[in-house]
Amino acid sequence: MGLVEFVRDVTAQVVVVAWALFFLSWVVGWALKGLPIPLTRVKKIGERILEDGVWAAFWLAVGSSVFALVSYIASSVYQPLPPPPSP
């Protein structure tokens, strides 16, 4: 396994965890915002969590796209080292 594959695998794992955290924050944000209690502070916290989750998803999508582009360019330009000269 080369460096490019290692970085690609680690990035894929990090992106999956980040999307799972986004989904968790989305669910918690809507749950707090939709609670049938008269505490507006709790509802505002849910709204902030929801907004932060949306921004995180946007930047995660942008970052994943940029990394995929850089990885594609690196893999198309990459050439293995030539073998050492034999005496």
N, C-alpha and C. Protein backbone atom coordinates (compact mmCIF):
# COMPACT_ATOMS: atom_id res chain seq x y z
N MET A 1 0.85 -1.17 0.00
CA MET A 1 0.00 0.00 0.00
C MET A 1 0.89 1.24 0.00
N GLY A 2 0.66 2.08 -0.96
CA GLY A 2 1.46 3.28 -1.08
C GLY A 2 0.89 4.42 -0.25
N LEU A 3 1.60 5.52 -0.30
CA LEU A 3 1.21 6.69 0.47
C LEU A 3 -0.14 7.24 0.00
N VAL A 4 -0.36 7.25 -1.30
CA VAL A 4 -1.61 7.81 -1.83
C VAL A 4 -2.80 6.98 -1.36
N GLU A 5 -2.68 5.66 -1.39
CA GLU A 5 -3.78 4.81 -0.94
C GLU A 5 -4.02 4.96 0.56
N PHE A 6 -2.93 5.08 1.33
CA PHE A 6 -3.07 5.26 2.78
C PHE A 6 -3.81 6.55 3.10
N VAL A 7 -3.40 7.63 2.46
CA VAL A 7 -4.05 8.92 2.71
C VAL A 7 -5.50 8.87 2.26
N ARG A 8 -5.78 8.23 1.14
CA ARG A 8 -7.14 8.10 0.65
C ARG A 8 -8.01 7.31 1.62
N ASP A 9 -7.47 6.21 2.17
CA ASP A 9 -8.23 5.39 3.12
C ASP A 9 -8.50 6.15 4.42
N VAL A 10 -7.49 6.83 4.95
CA VAL A 10 -7.67 7.59 6.18
C VAL A 10 -8.67 8.72 5.96
N THR A 11 -8.59 9.38 4.84
CA THR A 11 -9.53 10.46 4.54
C THR A 11 -10.95 9.93 4.43
N ALA A 12 -11.12 8.78 3.80
CA ALA A 12 -12.45 8.20 3.68
C ALA A 12 -13.03 7.87 5.06
N GLN A 13 -12.21 7.33 5.94
CA GLN A 13 -12.69 7.02 7.29
C GLN A 13 -13.05 8.28 8.07
N VAL A 14 -12.23 9.31 7.95
CA VAL A 14 -12.52 10.57 8.64
C VAL A 14 -13.80 11.21 8.10
N VAL A 15 -14.00 11.14 6.80
CA VAL A 15 -15.20 11.72 6.20
C VAL A 15 -16.45 10.96 6.65
N VAL A 16 -16.37 9.64 6.76
CA VAL A 16 -17.52 8.87 7.23
C VAL A 16 -17.86 9.24 8.67
N VAL A 17 -16.87 9.38 9.52
CA VAL A 17 -17.11 9.78 10.91
C VAL A 17 -17.69 11.20 10.96
N ALA A 18 -17.18 12.08 10.13
CA ALA A 18 -17.68 13.46 10.12
C ALA A 18 -19.13 13.52 9.67
N TRP A 19 -19.50 12.72 8.65
CA TRP A 19 -20.90 12.70 8.22
C TRP A 19 -21.80 12.11 9.30
N ALA A 20 -21.30 11.11 10.03
CA ALA A 20 -22.08 10.54 11.13
C ALA A 20 -22.29 11.58 12.23
N LEU A 21 -21.26 12.37 12.54
CA LEU A 21 -21.41 13.44 13.53
C LEU A 21 -22.38 14.51 13.05
N PHE A 22 -22.34 14.81 11.76
CA PHE A 22 -23.30 15.78 11.21
C PHE A 22 -24.72 15.26 11.39
N PHE A 23 -24.94 13.98 11.07
CA PHE A 23 -26.28 13.42 11.20
C PHE A 23 -26.73 13.44 12.66
N LEU A 24 -25.83 13.11 13.57
CA LEU A 24 -26.15 13.13 14.99
C LEU A 24 -26.52 14.55 15.45
N SER A 25 -25.75 15.54 15.03
CA SER A 25 -26.06 16.92 15.42
C SER A 25 -27.37 17.38 14.78
N TRP A 26 -27.65 16.92 13.59
CA TRP A 26 -28.91 17.26 12.91
C TRP A 26 -30.10 16.73 13.72
N VAL A 27 -30.00 15.46 14.14
CA VAL A 27 -31.08 14.84 14.90
C VAL A 27 -31.24 15.50 16.26
N VAL A 28 -30.13 15.73 16.96
CA VAL A 28 -30.20 16.36 18.28
C VAL A 28 -30.72 17.79 18.15
N GLY A 29 -30.29 18.52 17.13
CA GLY A 29 -30.76 19.89 16.94
C GLY A 29 -32.26 19.96 16.71
N TRP A 30 -32.78 19.09 15.83
CA TRP A 30 -34.21 19.10 15.58
C TRP A 30 -34.99 18.61 16.80
N ALA A 31 -34.41 17.65 17.55
CA ALA A 31 -35.09 17.17 18.75
C ALA A 31 -35.20 18.29 19.79
N LEU A 32 -34.12 19.04 19.98
CA LEU A 32 -34.17 20.14 20.95
C LEU A 32 -35.07 21.28 20.47
N LYS A 33 -35.01 21.55 19.18
CA LYS A 33 -35.83 22.65 18.64
C LYS A 33 -37.32 22.31 18.67
N GLY A 34 -37.65 21.03 18.53
CA GLY A 34 -39.04 20.64 18.49
C GLY A 34 -39.62 20.16 19.80
N LEU A 35 -38.88 20.30 20.89
CA LEU A 35 -39.40 19.87 22.19
C LEU A 35 -40.64 20.68 22.57
N PRO A 36 -41.65 20.01 23.08
CA PRO A 36 -42.88 20.73 23.46
C PRO A 36 -42.78 21.32 24.88
N ILE A 37 -41.73 22.09 25.12
CA ILE A 37 -41.58 22.75 26.41
C ILE A 37 -41.45 24.25 26.18
N PRO A 38 -41.85 25.04 27.16
CA PRO A 38 -41.84 26.50 26.95
C PRO A 38 -40.49 27.17 27.20
N LEU A 39 -39.40 26.42 27.23
CA LEU A 39 -38.08 27.03 27.46
C LEU A 39 -37.48 27.43 26.11
N THR A 40 -37.45 28.72 25.85
CA THR A 40 -36.92 29.17 24.56
C THR A 40 -35.40 29.02 24.48
N ARG A 41 -34.73 29.00 25.63
CA ARG A 41 -33.28 28.84 25.63
C ARG A 41 -32.88 27.49 25.05
N VAL A 42 -33.63 26.45 25.41
CA VAL A 42 -33.36 25.11 24.89
C VAL A 42 -33.63 25.07 23.39
N LYS A 43 -34.69 25.71 22.96
CA LYS A 43 -35.01 25.73 21.53
C LYS A 43 -33.95 26.51 20.74
N LYS A 44 -33.43 27.57 21.31
CA LYS A 44 -32.35 28.33 20.64
C LYS A 44 -31.08 27.49 20.54
N ILE A 45 -30.79 26.70 21.58
CA ILE A 45 -29.62 25.82 21.53
C ILE A 45 -29.79 24.80 20.41
N GLY A 46 -30.98 24.25 20.29
CA GLY A 46 -31.26 23.31 19.20
C GLY A 46 -31.10 23.96 17.84
N GLU A 47 -31.55 25.19 17.73
CA GLU A 47 -31.41 25.92 16.47
C GLU A 47 -29.94 26.17 16.13
N ARG A 48 -29.14 26.52 17.15
CA ARG A 48 -27.70 26.75 16.91
C ARG A 48 -27.00 25.46 16.51
N ILE A 49 -27.34 24.35 17.18
CA ILE A 49 -26.74 23.06 16.82
C ILE A 49 -27.10 22.70 15.39
N LEU A 50 -28.35 22.94 15.02
CA LEU A 50 -28.80 22.65 13.66
C LEU A 50 -28.07 23.50 12.64
N GLU A 51 -27.92 24.78 12.91
CA GLU A 51 -27.21 25.67 11.98
C GLU A 51 -25.74 25.29 11.87
N ASP A 52 -25.11 24.97 12.98
CA ASP A 52 -23.71 24.55 12.94
C ASP A 52 -23.56 23.24 12.17
N GLY A 53 -24.51 22.34 12.30
CA GLY A 53 -24.46 21.09 11.56
C GLY A 53 -24.57 21.30 10.06
N VAL A 54 -25.42 22.23 9.65
CA VAL A 54 -25.56 22.53 8.22
C VAL A 54 -24.27 23.13 7.67
N TRP A 55 -23.68 24.06 8.41
CA TRP A 55 -22.40 24.64 7.96
C TRP A 55 -21.30 23.58 7.91
N ALA A 56 -21.28 22.71 8.90
CA ALA A 56 -20.28 21.65 8.91
C ALA A 56 -20.45 20.73 7.71
N ALA A 57 -21.69 20.40 7.36
CA ALA A 57 -21.94 19.55 6.20
C ALA A 57 -21.50 20.24 4.91
N PHE A 58 -21.75 21.53 4.81
CA PHE A 58 -21.32 22.27 3.62
C PHE A 58 -19.80 22.23 3.49
N TRP A 59 -19.08 22.55 4.56
CA TRP A 59 -17.62 22.58 4.49
C TRP A 59 -17.04 21.18 4.33
N LEU A 60 -17.72 20.20 4.87
CA LEU A 60 -17.28 18.82 4.68
C LEU A 60 -17.41 18.41 3.22
N ALA A 61 -18.51 18.79 2.59
CA ALA A 61 -18.69 18.48 1.17
C ALA A 61 -17.66 19.20 0.30
N VAL A 62 -17.41 20.47 0.60
CA VAL A 62 -16.41 21.23 -0.16
C VAL A 62 -15.02 20.64 0.04
N GLY A 63 -14.66 20.35 1.28
CA GLY A 63 -13.34 19.79 1.56
C GLY A 63 -13.16 18.42 0.94
N SER A 64 -14.19 17.59 0.97
CA SER A 64 -14.10 16.27 0.35
C SER A 64 -13.91 16.38 -1.15
N SER A 65 -14.61 17.32 -1.76
CA SER A 65 -14.48 17.51 -3.20
C SER A 65 -13.07 17.99 -3.57
N VAL A 66 -12.56 18.95 -2.80
CA VAL A 66 -11.21 19.45 -3.08
C VAL A 66 -10.18 18.35 -2.89
N PHE A 67 -10.31 17.58 -1.81
CA PHE A 67 -9.36 16.50 -1.59
C PHE A 67 -9.46 15.44 -2.68
N ALA A 68 -10.66 15.12 -3.14
CA ALA A 68 -10.81 14.15 -4.23
C ALA A 68 -10.14 14.66 -5.50
N LEU A 69 -10.26 15.94 -5.78
CA LEU A 69 -9.61 16.52 -6.96
C LEU A 69 -8.09 16.46 -6.83
N VAL A 70 -7.57 16.83 -5.67
CA VAL A 70 -6.12 16.78 -5.45
C VAL A 70 -5.62 15.35 -5.53
N SER A 71 -6.36 14.42 -4.96
CA SER A 71 -5.97 13.01 -5.00
C SER A 71 -5.98 12.48 -6.42
N TYR A 72 -6.96 12.88 -7.21
CA TYR A 72 -7.03 12.45 -8.61
C TYR A 72 -5.84 13.00 -9.40
N ILE A 73 -5.54 14.27 -9.20
CA ILE A 73 -4.40 14.87 -9.91
C ILE A 73 -3.10 14.21 -9.48
N ALA A 74 -2.95 13.96 -8.18
CA ALA A 74 -1.72 13.33 -7.68
C ALA A 74 -1.57 11.91 -8.21
N SER A 75 -2.65 11.16 -8.30
CA SER A 75 -2.54 9.79 -8.78
C SER A 75 -2.32 9.74 -10.29
N SER A 76 -2.77 10.74 -11.03
CA SER A 76 -2.54 10.74 -12.47
C SER A 76 -1.14 11.23 -12.82
N VAL A 77 -0.54 12.06 -11.96
CA VAL A 77 0.80 12.57 -12.21
C VAL A 77 1.87 11.65 -11.63
N TYR A 78 1.52 10.92 -10.59
CA TYR A 78 2.47 10.06 -9.88
C TYR A 78 3.03 8.99 -10.79
N GLN A 79 4.34 8.83 -10.77
CA GLN A 79 5.01 7.75 -11.50
C GLN A 79 5.96 7.09 -10.54
N PRO A 80 6.02 5.77 -10.57
CA PRO A 80 6.91 5.07 -9.64
C PRO A 80 8.37 5.38 -9.94
N LEU A 81 9.19 5.25 -8.89
CA LEU A 81 10.62 5.50 -9.06
C LEU A 81 11.24 4.40 -9.92
N PRO A 82 12.21 4.76 -10.74
CA PRO A 82 12.86 3.73 -11.55
C PRO A 82 13.74 2.84 -10.67
N PRO A 83 13.99 1.62 -11.12
CA PRO A 83 14.85 0.74 -10.33
C PRO A 83 16.28 1.27 -10.29
N PRO A 84 17.01 0.95 -9.22
CA PRO A 84 18.39 1.43 -9.16
C PRO A 84 19.22 0.77 -10.26
N PRO A 85 20.27 1.45 -10.70
CA PRO A 85 21.11 0.88 -11.75
C PRO A 85 21.86 -0.35 -11.24
N SER A 86 21.98 -1.30 -12.09
CA SER A 86 22.74 -2.50 -11.71
C SER A 86 24.19 -2.38 -12.20
N PRO A 87 25.12 -2.84 -11.40
CA PRO A 87 26.54 -2.67 -11.80
C PRO A 87 26.95 -3.62 -12.90
